[in-house]
N, C-alpha and C. Protein backbone atom coordinates (compact mmCIF):
# COMPACT_ATOMS: atom_id res chain seq x y z
N MET A 1 43.41 55.81 56.83
CA MET A 1 43.16 57.02 56.38
C MET A 1 43.66 57.15 54.66
N LEU A 2 44.73 56.39 54.51
CA LEU A 2 45.38 56.62 53.16
C LEU A 2 45.54 55.30 52.65
N ALA A 3 45.15 55.18 51.21
CA ALA A 3 45.49 54.16 50.33
C ALA A 3 46.71 54.40 49.62
N ILE A 4 47.42 53.46 49.18
CA ILE A 4 48.51 53.79 48.11
C ILE A 4 48.78 52.83 46.90
N ALA A 5 49.07 53.36 45.89
CA ALA A 5 49.40 52.64 44.66
C ALA A 5 50.58 52.89 44.13
N ILE A 6 51.22 52.36 43.42
CA ILE A 6 52.67 52.37 42.53
C ILE A 6 52.39 51.98 41.24
N THR A 7 52.79 52.85 40.35
CA THR A 7 52.74 52.30 38.92
C THR A 7 54.50 52.20 38.66
N THR A 8 54.49 51.07 38.06
CA THR A 8 55.94 50.57 37.56
C THR A 8 56.04 49.96 36.25
N ALA A 9 57.09 50.31 35.60
CA ALA A 9 57.31 49.73 34.26
C ALA A 9 58.77 49.81 33.83
N PRO A 10 59.42 48.95 33.11
CA PRO A 10 61.00 48.84 32.91
C PRO A 10 61.48 50.23 32.56
N ARG A 11 62.66 50.21 33.22
CA ARG A 11 63.52 51.49 32.99
C ARG A 11 64.94 51.29 32.63
N PRO A 12 65.74 51.87 32.01
CA PRO A 12 67.03 51.58 31.74
C PRO A 12 67.71 51.08 32.95
N VAL A 13 67.72 51.77 34.16
CA VAL A 13 67.98 51.48 35.54
C VAL A 13 66.96 51.10 36.51
N PRO A 14 66.78 50.03 36.91
CA PRO A 14 65.34 49.75 37.45
C PRO A 14 65.50 50.26 38.94
N THR A 15 64.27 50.87 39.33
CA THR A 15 64.38 51.59 40.55
C THR A 15 63.12 51.15 41.58
N PHE A 16 62.48 50.42 41.23
CA PHE A 16 61.27 49.85 41.70
C PHE A 16 61.68 49.18 43.13
N ASP A 17 62.59 48.44 43.25
CA ASP A 17 62.93 47.76 44.57
C ASP A 17 63.35 48.53 45.59
N GLN A 18 64.15 49.50 45.33
CA GLN A 18 64.76 50.53 46.32
C GLN A 18 63.82 51.69 46.61
N SER A 19 62.67 51.83 45.47
CA SER A 19 61.71 53.05 45.92
C SER A 19 60.72 52.24 46.75
N LEU A 20 60.10 51.26 46.86
CA LEU A 20 59.29 50.50 47.85
C LEU A 20 60.05 50.32 48.95
N ALA A 21 61.37 50.12 49.16
CA ALA A 21 61.98 49.97 50.44
C ALA A 21 62.20 51.34 50.95
N SER A 22 62.28 52.52 50.34
CA SER A 22 62.49 53.83 50.74
C SER A 22 61.02 54.10 51.27
N LEU A 23 59.83 53.68 50.56
CA LEU A 23 58.51 54.05 51.11
C LEU A 23 58.27 53.37 52.40
N ARG A 24 58.92 52.15 52.85
CA ARG A 24 58.56 51.30 54.03
C ARG A 24 59.38 52.09 55.05
N ARG A 25 60.66 52.30 54.73
CA ARG A 25 61.46 53.06 55.84
C ARG A 25 60.94 54.59 56.11
N ALA A 26 60.29 55.06 55.30
CA ALA A 26 59.41 56.27 55.60
C ALA A 26 58.37 56.29 56.47
N GLY A 27 57.83 55.14 56.64
CA GLY A 27 56.96 54.98 57.70
C GLY A 27 55.65 54.33 57.10
N PHE A 28 55.43 53.96 56.03
CA PHE A 28 54.35 53.70 55.05
C PHE A 28 54.24 52.22 55.22
N ASP A 29 53.62 51.67 56.26
CA ASP A 29 53.66 50.30 56.32
C ASP A 29 52.18 49.47 56.06
N GLY A 30 51.10 50.16 55.48
CA GLY A 30 50.04 49.64 55.25
C GLY A 30 50.03 48.76 53.75
N THR A 31 49.00 48.09 53.36
CA THR A 31 48.92 47.33 52.09
C THR A 31 49.31 48.53 51.03
N THR A 32 50.08 48.20 49.91
CA THR A 32 50.47 49.01 48.73
C THR A 32 50.00 48.01 47.54
N TRP A 33 49.40 48.57 46.63
CA TRP A 33 49.00 48.22 45.50
C TRP A 33 50.01 48.45 44.45
N ILE A 34 50.63 47.59 43.59
CA ILE A 34 51.47 47.63 42.44
C ILE A 34 50.93 47.22 41.26
N LEU A 35 50.71 48.35 40.45
CA LEU A 35 50.35 48.35 39.05
C LEU A 35 51.12 48.10 38.08
N ASN A 36 51.86 46.99 37.80
CA ASN A 36 53.14 46.55 37.11
C ASN A 36 52.64 46.41 35.41
N ASP A 37 53.63 47.20 34.71
CA ASP A 37 53.64 47.20 33.32
C ASP A 37 54.89 46.37 32.36
N GLY A 38 55.61 45.83 33.71
CA GLY A 38 56.95 45.10 33.29
C GLY A 38 57.06 43.71 33.49
N ARG A 39 57.99 43.14 33.32
CA ARG A 39 58.09 41.74 33.59
C ARG A 39 57.30 41.23 34.82
N TYR A 40 56.73 40.04 34.67
CA TYR A 40 56.00 39.42 35.89
C TYR A 40 56.56 39.55 37.21
N LEU A 41 55.78 40.09 38.04
CA LEU A 41 56.29 40.33 39.52
C LEU A 41 55.41 39.19 40.26
N PRO A 42 56.10 38.57 41.16
CA PRO A 42 55.45 37.59 42.08
C PRO A 42 55.27 38.63 43.20
N ASP A 43 54.22 37.63 44.11
CA ASP A 43 53.79 38.37 45.25
C ASP A 43 55.02 39.09 46.18
N ILE A 44 54.57 40.33 46.56
CA ILE A 44 55.49 40.93 47.51
C ILE A 44 54.64 41.22 48.74
N VAL A 45 55.25 40.73 49.98
CA VAL A 45 54.92 41.24 51.47
C VAL A 45 54.63 42.36 51.47
N GLY A 46 53.12 42.58 52.03
CA GLY A 46 52.54 43.95 52.26
C GLY A 46 52.11 44.50 51.18
N SER A 47 52.06 43.89 50.04
CA SER A 47 51.54 44.55 48.60
C SER A 47 50.38 43.48 48.01
N VAL A 48 49.81 44.27 47.26
CA VAL A 48 48.85 43.56 46.19
C VAL A 48 49.54 43.83 44.96
N VAL A 49 49.96 42.86 44.26
CA VAL A 49 50.59 43.18 42.49
C VAL A 49 49.60 42.81 41.73
N VAL A 50 49.23 43.74 40.95
CA VAL A 50 48.65 43.51 39.54
C VAL A 50 49.48 43.80 38.43
N ASN A 51 49.52 42.56 37.68
CA ASN A 51 50.45 42.42 36.51
C ASN A 51 49.80 42.72 35.25
N ASN A 52 49.94 43.89 34.74
CA ASN A 52 49.02 44.33 33.53
C ASN A 52 49.35 43.52 32.31
N SER A 53 48.55 42.88 31.77
CA SER A 53 49.04 42.00 30.54
C SER A 53 47.59 42.05 29.48
N PRO A 54 47.81 42.91 28.21
CA PRO A 54 49.14 43.37 27.94
C PRO A 54 49.56 44.74 28.90
N PRO A 55 50.74 45.43 28.87
CA PRO A 55 50.87 46.80 29.60
C PRO A 55 50.08 47.67 29.13
N LEU A 56 49.67 48.52 29.82
CA LEU A 56 48.65 49.85 29.87
C LEU A 56 49.32 50.88 29.30
N GLY A 57 50.35 51.14 29.66
CA GLY A 57 51.50 52.48 29.20
C GLY A 57 51.12 53.75 30.53
N GLY A 58 51.77 54.63 30.14
CA GLY A 58 51.78 55.73 31.12
C GLY A 58 50.75 56.20 31.97
N LEU A 59 49.52 56.94 31.11
CA LEU A 59 48.48 57.63 31.28
C LEU A 59 47.54 56.70 31.99
N LYS A 60 47.30 55.31 30.93
CA LYS A 60 46.37 54.33 31.59
C LYS A 60 46.60 53.85 32.60
N ASN A 61 47.88 53.49 32.86
CA ASN A 61 48.33 52.82 34.10
C ASN A 61 48.05 53.47 35.32
N TRP A 62 48.26 54.90 35.28
CA TRP A 62 48.15 55.81 36.15
C TRP A 62 46.63 55.81 36.65
N ALA A 63 45.60 56.05 35.70
CA ALA A 63 44.19 56.09 35.83
C ALA A 63 43.64 54.68 36.40
N HIS A 64 44.20 53.46 36.08
CA HIS A 64 43.96 52.24 36.68
C HIS A 64 44.51 52.22 37.89
N ALA A 65 45.59 52.29 38.26
CA ALA A 65 46.01 52.84 39.65
C ALA A 65 45.18 53.53 40.57
N LEU A 66 44.78 54.38 39.97
CA LEU A 66 43.52 55.61 40.92
C LEU A 66 42.32 54.68 41.11
N GLU A 67 41.65 54.24 39.84
CA GLU A 67 40.46 53.30 40.03
C GLU A 67 40.65 52.03 40.69
N THR A 68 41.71 51.56 41.02
CA THR A 68 41.81 50.37 41.92
C THR A 68 41.86 50.66 43.44
N LEU A 69 42.41 52.04 43.72
CA LEU A 69 42.13 52.33 45.06
C LEU A 69 40.83 52.76 45.40
N VAL A 70 40.29 53.47 44.64
CA VAL A 70 38.87 53.78 44.76
C VAL A 70 38.01 52.69 45.07
N THR A 71 38.12 51.77 43.96
CA THR A 71 36.97 50.78 44.20
C THR A 71 37.55 49.57 45.05
N SER A 72 39.07 49.34 45.23
CA SER A 72 39.25 48.25 46.18
C SER A 72 39.48 48.57 47.92
N THR A 73 39.34 50.01 48.15
CA THR A 73 39.57 50.55 49.37
C THR A 73 38.52 51.51 49.63
N ASP A 74 38.28 51.81 51.20
CA ASP A 74 37.29 52.84 51.47
C ASP A 74 38.19 54.16 52.15
N ALA A 75 39.52 54.10 51.67
CA ALA A 75 40.12 55.50 52.49
C ALA A 75 39.83 56.66 51.96
N PRO A 76 39.83 57.54 52.92
CA PRO A 76 39.29 58.98 52.56
C PRO A 76 40.42 59.63 51.67
N TRP A 77 41.54 59.05 51.45
CA TRP A 77 42.78 59.80 50.78
C TRP A 77 43.33 58.63 49.88
N VAL A 78 43.74 59.07 48.89
CA VAL A 78 44.44 58.05 48.07
C VAL A 78 45.63 58.54 47.30
N MET A 79 46.72 58.04 47.11
CA MET A 79 48.21 58.28 46.81
C MET A 79 48.47 57.51 45.74
N VAL A 80 48.68 57.95 44.64
CA VAL A 80 49.64 57.26 43.38
C VAL A 80 50.99 57.60 43.10
N LEU A 81 51.76 56.76 43.26
CA LEU A 81 53.12 57.03 43.29
C LEU A 81 53.95 56.52 41.98
N GLU A 82 55.07 57.10 41.48
CA GLU A 82 55.91 56.73 40.45
C GLU A 82 56.77 55.74 41.17
N ASP A 83 57.54 54.88 40.53
CA ASP A 83 58.47 54.00 41.03
C ASP A 83 59.99 54.48 41.09
N ASP A 84 60.02 55.46 40.84
CA ASP A 84 61.46 56.12 40.85
C ASP A 84 61.80 57.21 41.96
N ILE A 85 60.94 57.12 42.94
CA ILE A 85 61.10 58.16 44.26
C ILE A 85 61.71 57.62 45.33
N ARG A 86 62.40 58.49 46.18
CA ARG A 86 62.98 58.43 47.32
C ARG A 86 62.56 59.05 48.46
N TRP A 87 62.31 58.61 49.55
CA TRP A 87 61.29 59.26 50.51
C TRP A 87 62.26 59.87 51.47
N ALA A 88 61.65 61.04 52.10
CA ALA A 88 62.21 61.57 53.46
C ALA A 88 61.94 60.72 54.48
N ARG A 89 62.94 60.68 55.63
CA ARG A 89 62.72 60.05 56.87
C ARG A 89 61.64 60.73 57.58
N GLY A 90 60.71 59.82 58.07
CA GLY A 90 59.50 60.45 58.78
C GLY A 90 58.45 60.67 57.81
N ALA A 91 58.39 60.51 56.79
CA ALA A 91 57.36 61.09 55.79
C ALA A 91 55.94 60.69 55.80
N ALA A 92 56.00 59.41 56.45
CA ALA A 92 54.51 59.24 56.82
C ALA A 92 53.90 59.79 57.82
N ALA A 93 54.63 60.39 58.86
CA ALA A 93 54.07 60.90 60.08
C ALA A 93 53.73 62.33 59.58
N ALA A 94 54.56 63.02 58.71
CA ALA A 94 54.45 64.37 58.33
C ALA A 94 53.49 64.53 57.18
N LEU A 95 53.04 63.45 56.47
CA LEU A 95 52.01 63.61 55.47
C LEU A 95 50.65 63.40 56.25
N GLY A 96 50.65 62.40 57.34
CA GLY A 96 49.58 62.23 58.26
C GLY A 96 49.28 63.58 58.87
N LYS A 97 50.08 64.53 59.39
CA LYS A 97 49.64 65.68 59.87
C LYS A 97 49.14 66.61 58.62
N ASP A 98 49.71 66.59 57.66
CA ASP A 98 49.12 67.39 56.40
C ASP A 98 47.87 67.12 56.00
N LEU A 99 47.27 65.67 56.27
CA LEU A 99 46.11 65.31 55.58
C LEU A 99 45.19 65.83 56.68
N ARG A 100 45.82 65.55 57.99
CA ARG A 100 44.54 66.04 58.97
C ARG A 100 44.60 67.51 58.87
N ASP A 101 45.40 68.42 58.69
CA ASP A 101 45.21 69.95 58.57
C ASP A 101 44.27 70.27 57.28
N LEU A 102 44.50 69.47 56.06
CA LEU A 102 43.72 69.53 54.95
C LEU A 102 42.26 68.98 55.19
N ASP A 103 42.15 68.16 55.93
CA ASP A 103 40.56 67.78 56.55
C ASP A 103 39.89 68.49 56.84
N GLY A 104 40.77 69.27 57.88
CA GLY A 104 39.96 70.53 58.62
C GLY A 104 39.75 71.62 57.95
N LYS A 105 40.32 72.14 56.75
CA LYS A 105 40.31 73.57 56.53
C LYS A 105 40.11 73.66 54.52
N LEU A 106 40.83 72.60 53.86
CA LEU A 106 40.64 72.72 52.72
C LEU A 106 39.96 71.41 51.86
N ARG A 107 39.59 70.50 52.54
CA ARG A 107 39.15 69.17 51.61
C ARG A 107 38.29 69.42 50.57
N ASP A 108 37.27 70.08 50.69
CA ASP A 108 36.39 70.23 49.62
C ASP A 108 37.13 70.64 48.19
N GLY A 109 38.01 71.47 48.32
CA GLY A 109 38.65 72.05 47.27
C GLY A 109 39.90 71.47 46.70
N VAL A 110 40.36 70.43 47.27
CA VAL A 110 41.57 69.49 47.05
C VAL A 110 41.59 68.96 45.84
N GLY A 111 42.38 69.25 44.79
CA GLY A 111 42.58 68.48 43.57
C GLY A 111 43.48 67.64 43.67
N TYR A 112 44.67 67.84 43.96
CA TYR A 112 45.82 66.99 44.80
C TYR A 112 46.78 67.70 45.53
N LEU A 113 47.32 66.82 46.34
CA LEU A 113 48.47 67.55 47.12
C LEU A 113 49.58 66.69 46.75
N SER A 114 50.55 67.27 45.96
CA SER A 114 51.77 66.88 45.38
C SER A 114 52.93 66.83 46.26
N LEU A 115 53.35 65.77 46.58
CA LEU A 115 54.57 65.83 47.43
C LEU A 115 55.96 65.86 46.96
N TYR A 116 55.90 66.31 45.68
CA TYR A 116 57.20 66.44 44.78
C TYR A 116 57.04 67.82 44.06
N LEU A 117 57.70 68.81 44.27
CA LEU A 117 57.68 70.33 43.69
C LEU A 117 58.75 70.51 42.60
N SER A 118 58.61 70.43 41.49
CA SER A 118 59.40 70.62 40.21
C SER A 118 59.93 72.06 40.26
N ARG A 119 60.94 72.40 39.47
CA ARG A 119 61.47 73.83 39.36
C ARG A 119 60.44 74.71 38.82
N LYS A 120 59.68 74.06 37.64
CA LYS A 120 58.97 74.83 36.93
C LYS A 120 57.56 75.20 37.71
N VAL A 121 57.14 74.30 38.55
CA VAL A 121 55.95 74.79 39.32
C VAL A 121 56.47 75.70 40.38
N ALA A 122 57.69 75.36 41.14
CA ALA A 122 58.20 76.24 41.88
C ALA A 122 58.45 77.86 41.47
N LYS A 123 58.71 77.85 40.34
CA LYS A 123 59.17 79.04 39.84
C LYS A 123 57.77 79.93 39.67
N GLU A 124 56.48 79.40 39.32
CA GLU A 124 55.30 80.26 39.35
C GLU A 124 55.07 80.38 40.78
N ILE A 125 55.01 79.56 41.59
CA ILE A 125 54.64 79.91 42.98
C ILE A 125 55.51 80.95 43.74
N GLU A 126 56.89 80.76 43.31
CA GLU A 126 57.82 81.85 43.89
C GLU A 126 57.41 83.18 43.32
N TYR A 127 57.21 83.50 42.18
CA TYR A 127 57.12 84.63 41.39
C TYR A 127 55.81 85.41 42.30
N ARG A 128 54.64 84.54 42.82
CA ARG A 128 53.63 85.31 43.68
C ARG A 128 54.00 85.35 45.03
N LYS A 129 54.90 84.22 45.49
CA LYS A 129 54.69 84.35 46.99
C LYS A 129 56.09 84.95 47.56
N GLY A 130 57.18 84.94 46.68
CA GLY A 130 58.45 85.62 47.06
C GLY A 130 59.52 84.10 47.26
N ARG A 131 60.76 84.38 47.03
CA ARG A 131 61.76 83.34 46.89
C ARG A 131 62.69 83.44 48.18
N PRO A 132 63.34 82.24 48.85
CA PRO A 132 62.76 80.88 48.64
C PRO A 132 61.46 80.68 49.74
N LEU A 133 60.65 79.57 49.03
CA LEU A 133 59.59 79.25 49.87
C LEU A 133 59.81 78.89 51.23
N ARG A 134 59.10 79.29 52.20
CA ARG A 134 59.28 78.66 53.73
C ARG A 134 58.42 77.34 53.52
N PRO A 135 58.59 76.69 54.63
CA PRO A 135 57.82 75.24 54.77
C PRO A 135 56.47 75.41 54.71
N GLY A 136 55.48 74.73 54.13
CA GLY A 136 54.02 75.13 54.15
C GLY A 136 53.58 74.12 52.91
N ILE A 137 52.14 74.58 52.65
CA ILE A 137 51.46 73.99 51.50
C ILE A 137 50.91 74.95 50.73
N TYR A 138 51.38 75.03 49.34
CA TYR A 138 51.32 76.32 48.40
C TYR A 138 50.40 75.74 47.28
N SER A 139 49.59 76.56 46.46
CA SER A 139 48.67 76.27 45.33
C SER A 139 49.23 76.85 44.10
N SER A 140 49.21 75.92 43.01
CA SER A 140 49.82 76.34 41.81
C SER A 140 48.72 76.94 41.11
N LYS A 141 48.90 77.86 39.86
CA LYS A 141 47.94 78.33 38.90
C LYS A 141 48.28 77.90 37.43
N LEU A 142 49.25 76.98 37.38
CA LEU A 142 49.72 76.44 36.34
C LEU A 142 48.79 75.49 35.56
N ALA A 143 47.84 74.80 36.13
CA ALA A 143 47.15 74.09 35.57
C ALA A 143 47.58 72.94 34.98
N GLU A 144 47.37 72.70 33.65
CA GLU A 144 47.76 71.71 32.73
C GLU A 144 49.61 71.89 32.38
N GLY A 145 49.69 73.06 32.70
CA GLY A 145 51.29 73.33 32.62
C GLY A 145 52.08 72.74 33.96
N CYS A 146 51.59 72.17 34.91
CA CYS A 146 52.31 71.75 35.86
C CYS A 146 53.17 70.52 35.26
N TRP A 147 54.51 70.26 36.11
CA TRP A 147 54.97 69.06 35.66
C TRP A 147 55.52 68.15 37.07
N GLY A 148 55.36 67.05 36.91
CA GLY A 148 56.13 66.15 38.10
C GLY A 148 54.83 65.57 38.83
N SER A 149 54.23 64.15 38.27
CA SER A 149 53.52 63.42 38.92
C SER A 149 54.20 62.26 39.70
N GLN A 150 55.17 62.70 40.46
CA GLN A 150 55.87 61.67 41.06
C GLN A 150 55.08 61.04 42.36
N ALA A 151 54.16 61.96 43.26
CA ALA A 151 53.46 61.58 44.28
C ALA A 151 52.39 62.61 44.33
N TYR A 152 51.02 61.96 43.90
CA TYR A 152 49.98 62.74 44.10
C TYR A 152 49.02 62.19 44.96
N VAL A 153 48.59 63.14 46.02
CA VAL A 153 47.52 62.57 46.92
C VAL A 153 46.18 63.13 46.69
N LEU A 154 45.11 62.39 46.67
CA LEU A 154 43.82 63.19 46.21
C LEU A 154 42.81 62.59 47.24
N THR A 155 41.84 63.48 47.21
CA THR A 155 40.70 62.52 48.33
C THR A 155 39.97 61.79 47.55
N ARG A 156 39.37 60.89 48.17
CA ARG A 156 38.42 59.81 47.60
C ARG A 156 37.59 60.43 46.60
N GLU A 157 36.74 61.61 46.96
CA GLU A 157 35.85 62.48 46.34
C GLU A 157 36.55 63.02 45.15
N GLY A 158 37.85 63.30 45.18
CA GLY A 158 38.31 64.06 44.08
C GLY A 158 38.84 63.13 43.08
N ALA A 159 39.24 61.87 43.45
CA ALA A 159 39.64 60.84 42.57
C ALA A 159 38.29 60.46 41.91
N ARG A 160 37.23 60.27 42.49
CA ARG A 160 35.96 59.79 41.89
C ARG A 160 35.59 60.57 40.68
N ALA A 161 35.55 61.91 41.09
CA ALA A 161 35.32 62.94 40.23
C ALA A 161 36.27 63.05 39.04
N LEU A 162 37.44 62.94 39.07
CA LEU A 162 38.33 62.88 37.98
C LEU A 162 38.13 61.66 37.26
N LEU A 163 38.03 60.43 37.76
CA LEU A 163 37.81 59.31 36.90
C LEU A 163 36.33 59.62 36.15
N ALA A 164 35.37 60.11 36.46
CA ALA A 164 34.08 60.30 36.10
C ALA A 164 34.19 61.63 35.00
N ASP A 165 35.29 62.32 34.92
CA ASP A 165 35.10 63.72 34.17
C ASP A 165 35.25 63.17 32.69
N PRO A 166 34.50 63.66 31.88
CA PRO A 166 34.70 63.46 30.38
C PRO A 166 35.84 63.65 29.36
N THR A 167 36.29 64.70 30.13
CA THR A 167 37.67 65.10 29.46
C THR A 167 38.71 64.02 29.88
N PHE A 168 38.66 63.82 30.84
CA PHE A 168 39.83 62.97 31.46
C PHE A 168 39.60 61.47 31.09
N ASP A 169 38.36 60.97 30.94
CA ASP A 169 38.10 59.77 30.55
C ASP A 169 38.51 59.65 28.87
N ASP A 170 38.12 60.71 28.18
CA ASP A 170 38.53 60.81 26.73
C ASP A 170 39.93 60.70 26.61
N ARG A 171 40.87 61.47 27.40
CA ARG A 171 42.19 61.31 27.37
C ARG A 171 42.83 60.13 27.51
N ARG A 172 42.18 59.49 28.70
CA ARG A 172 42.65 57.98 29.06
C ARG A 172 42.38 57.11 28.11
N ARG A 173 41.24 57.23 27.46
CA ARG A 173 40.84 56.01 26.43
C ARG A 173 41.54 56.28 24.96
N ASN A 174 41.65 57.67 24.74
CA ASN A 174 42.03 58.04 23.40
C ASN A 174 43.33 58.75 22.98
N TYR A 175 44.07 59.09 23.95
CA TYR A 175 45.31 60.01 23.76
C TYR A 175 46.38 58.88 23.12
N VAL A 176 46.71 59.20 22.02
CA VAL A 176 47.66 58.14 21.31
C VAL A 176 48.99 58.36 21.91
N LYS A 177 49.44 59.21 22.29
CA LYS A 177 50.79 59.29 23.14
C LYS A 177 50.88 58.45 24.58
N ASN A 178 49.56 58.55 24.95
CA ASN A 178 49.33 57.71 26.61
C ASN A 178 50.48 58.15 27.36
N ARG A 179 50.58 59.37 27.58
CA ARG A 179 51.54 59.86 28.43
C ARG A 179 51.34 61.30 28.97
N ASN A 180 52.18 62.05 29.59
CA ASN A 180 51.74 63.48 29.97
C ASN A 180 50.79 63.65 31.18
N ARG A 181 51.06 62.48 32.05
CA ARG A 181 49.82 62.52 33.02
C ARG A 181 49.79 63.71 33.92
N ASP A 182 51.16 64.10 33.97
CA ASP A 182 51.12 65.21 35.06
C ASP A 182 50.11 66.41 34.37
N GLY A 183 50.33 66.75 33.35
CA GLY A 183 49.57 67.94 32.60
C GLY A 183 48.07 67.62 32.56
N ILE A 184 47.64 66.21 31.86
CA ILE A 184 46.57 65.92 32.07
C ILE A 184 45.63 66.07 33.32
N VAL A 185 46.10 65.19 34.15
CA VAL A 185 45.63 65.23 35.41
C VAL A 185 45.52 66.83 36.10
N SER A 186 46.45 67.52 36.16
CA SER A 186 46.24 68.76 36.86
C SER A 186 45.42 69.64 35.82
N GLY A 187 45.72 69.42 34.42
CA GLY A 187 44.66 70.16 33.79
C GLY A 187 43.18 70.03 34.01
N CYS A 188 42.77 68.79 34.17
CA CYS A 188 41.39 68.36 34.46
C CYS A 188 40.78 68.68 35.66
N LEU A 189 41.65 68.49 36.78
CA LEU A 189 41.32 68.96 38.22
C LEU A 189 41.05 70.51 38.24
N ALA A 190 41.94 71.06 37.78
CA ALA A 190 41.83 72.73 37.77
C ALA A 190 40.74 73.08 36.95
N ALA A 191 40.44 72.57 35.73
CA ALA A 191 39.09 72.67 34.89
C ALA A 191 37.74 72.48 36.01
N MET A 192 37.94 71.53 36.91
CA MET A 192 36.64 71.03 37.56
C MET A 192 36.80 72.02 38.85
N GLY A 193 37.57 73.01 38.97
CA GLY A 193 37.42 74.05 39.94
C GLY A 193 38.28 73.43 41.40
N ARG A 194 39.00 72.55 41.27
CA ARG A 194 39.49 71.90 42.25
C ARG A 194 41.21 72.53 42.42
N ARG A 195 41.83 72.69 43.43
CA ARG A 195 43.06 73.31 43.42
C ARG A 195 44.30 72.46 43.68
N LEU A 196 45.47 72.83 43.20
CA LEU A 196 46.58 71.70 42.91
C LEU A 196 47.44 72.28 44.11
N TYR A 197 47.74 71.66 44.97
CA TYR A 197 48.67 72.14 46.18
C TYR A 197 50.06 71.19 46.22
N TYR A 198 50.95 71.89 46.62
CA TYR A 198 52.53 71.51 46.53
C TYR A 198 53.05 71.59 47.96
N ARG A 199 53.66 70.71 48.61
CA ARG A 199 54.21 70.77 49.88
C ARG A 199 55.82 70.94 49.95
N VAL A 200 55.98 72.15 50.62
CA VAL A 200 57.44 72.44 50.77
C VAL A 200 57.57 72.18 52.32
N PRO A 201 59.06 71.24 52.58
CA PRO A 201 59.72 70.83 51.67
C PRO A 201 59.33 69.53 50.96
N CYS A 202 59.66 69.15 49.89
CA CYS A 202 59.13 67.97 49.23
C CYS A 202 59.42 66.76 50.16
N LEU A 203 58.30 65.81 50.02
CA LEU A 203 58.52 64.38 51.00
C LEU A 203 59.30 63.25 50.25
N VAL A 204 59.42 63.75 48.71
CA VAL A 204 60.02 62.78 48.02
C VAL A 204 60.98 63.36 46.93
N ASP A 205 62.06 62.70 46.59
CA ASP A 205 63.00 63.18 45.76
C ASP A 205 62.98 62.27 44.39
N HIS A 206 63.49 62.89 43.28
CA HIS A 206 63.19 62.09 41.90
C HIS A 206 64.65 61.87 41.32
N ALA A 207 65.76 62.00 42.13
CA ALA A 207 66.88 61.66 41.26
C ALA A 207 67.15 60.48 40.74
N TRP A 208 66.71 59.36 41.35
CA TRP A 208 66.53 57.90 40.90
C TRP A 208 65.91 58.08 39.46
N GLY A 209 64.83 58.89 39.09
CA GLY A 209 64.18 58.91 37.83
C GLY A 209 64.79 59.78 36.88
N SER A 210 65.76 60.56 37.09
CA SER A 210 66.48 61.53 36.44
C SER A 210 67.20 60.84 35.12
N ALA A 211 66.79 61.26 33.93
CA ALA A 211 67.60 60.68 32.68
C ALA A 211 67.26 59.14 32.69
N ASN A 212 66.06 58.83 33.39
CA ASN A 212 66.02 57.16 33.40
C ASN A 212 64.49 56.89 33.39
N SER A 213 64.17 57.56 32.17
CA SER A 213 62.61 57.40 31.93
C SER A 213 62.15 56.20 31.36
N SER A 214 60.88 55.58 31.85
CA SER A 214 60.43 54.41 31.35
C SER A 214 59.81 54.57 29.97
N LEU A 215 59.67 55.75 29.44
CA LEU A 215 58.99 56.12 28.37
C LEU A 215 59.85 56.10 27.03
N ALA A 216 61.00 56.81 27.23
CA ALA A 216 61.96 56.82 26.27
C ALA A 216 63.29 57.64 26.89
N ALA A 217 64.43 57.45 25.94
CA ALA A 217 65.63 57.82 26.35
C ALA A 217 65.44 59.40 26.33
N LYS A 218 65.83 60.10 27.54
CA LYS A 218 65.86 61.48 27.95
C LYS A 218 66.98 62.09 28.56
N PRO A 219 67.39 63.23 28.11
CA PRO A 219 68.35 63.73 28.95
C PRO A 219 67.93 64.35 30.22
N VAL A 220 68.75 64.76 31.34
CA VAL A 220 68.23 65.55 32.60
C VAL A 220 67.54 66.56 32.08
N GLN A 221 66.01 66.49 32.66
CA GLN A 221 65.41 67.79 32.51
C GLN A 221 65.57 68.80 33.59
N ARG A 222 66.37 69.65 33.34
CA ARG A 222 66.32 70.48 34.75
C ARG A 222 65.20 71.04 35.31
N ALA A 223 64.22 71.48 34.57
CA ALA A 223 62.98 71.97 35.00
C ALA A 223 62.04 70.93 35.78
N LEU A 224 62.49 69.85 35.79
CA LEU A 224 61.80 68.66 36.57
C LEU A 224 62.33 68.54 37.92
N LEU A 225 63.87 69.12 37.98
CA LEU A 225 64.39 68.84 39.14
C LEU A 225 63.80 69.81 40.32
N THR A 226 64.15 69.61 41.66
CA THR A 226 63.85 70.39 42.82
C THR A 226 64.75 70.96 43.48
N ASP A 227 64.40 72.23 43.88
CA ASP A 227 65.42 72.92 44.82
C ASP A 227 64.53 72.66 46.40
N TYR A 228 63.64 72.08 46.51
CA TYR A 228 63.11 71.89 47.77
C TYR A 228 63.09 70.46 48.49
N TRP A 229 63.93 69.52 48.29
CA TRP A 229 64.15 68.14 48.96
C TRP A 229 64.98 68.39 50.19
N THR A 230 64.70 67.80 50.96
CA THR A 230 65.44 67.55 52.17
C THR A 230 65.26 66.20 52.75
N ALA A 231 66.29 65.68 53.27
CA ALA A 231 66.04 63.92 53.39
C ALA A 231 65.50 63.77 54.76
N LYS A 232 65.15 64.75 55.60
CA LYS A 232 64.36 65.02 56.76
C LYS A 232 63.62 66.33 57.00
N PRO A 233 62.34 66.07 56.62
CA PRO A 233 61.41 67.51 56.51
C PRO A 233 61.52 68.01 57.88
């Protein structure tokens, strides 16, 4: 039902090993594609390792991961993860239920289901729905203003449409900074008329990646933190 890829790149404090272990403990035991921009990774049990040479960089590697899942699997849902997330206990079962619900109700309109809800996005949803948010799935209207691409789940059809979108293709190939994948992916999907959904509570936490970016030295970005994480959803 779900194909998974992780993008990884060097960080000041490495997080990949513990993030992959957390994914497994959460119940995701199928094959995982690893799109590696760092030092050569040997084979990993249960995974397909793709060592990018030369490294692709942030946005290009994310797009490469999405394309790999579309071309290498026939899964109806695909999930692209960052390498600095910690998973809630029982997350695989919880996400499976969410995807079955979306299949029956909203599938055709899904841009992505984000398993992480940053404060910036939460503030916009709270303004419309009331604070605090109860458990459930909510849509955001921020489009390219969305922050946080820690864990995006897309339908197979939505992923193919995004990869074929001229605007996304142009950003992927020509955007000199080669970053801001959260805003670019969100903006392109929203412009295509697809909705951006967020799960409450989050199934992943981003504490391992805070002030530990693979792109550049950054202080803690408080708007990228979440108030909706719980270790057991």
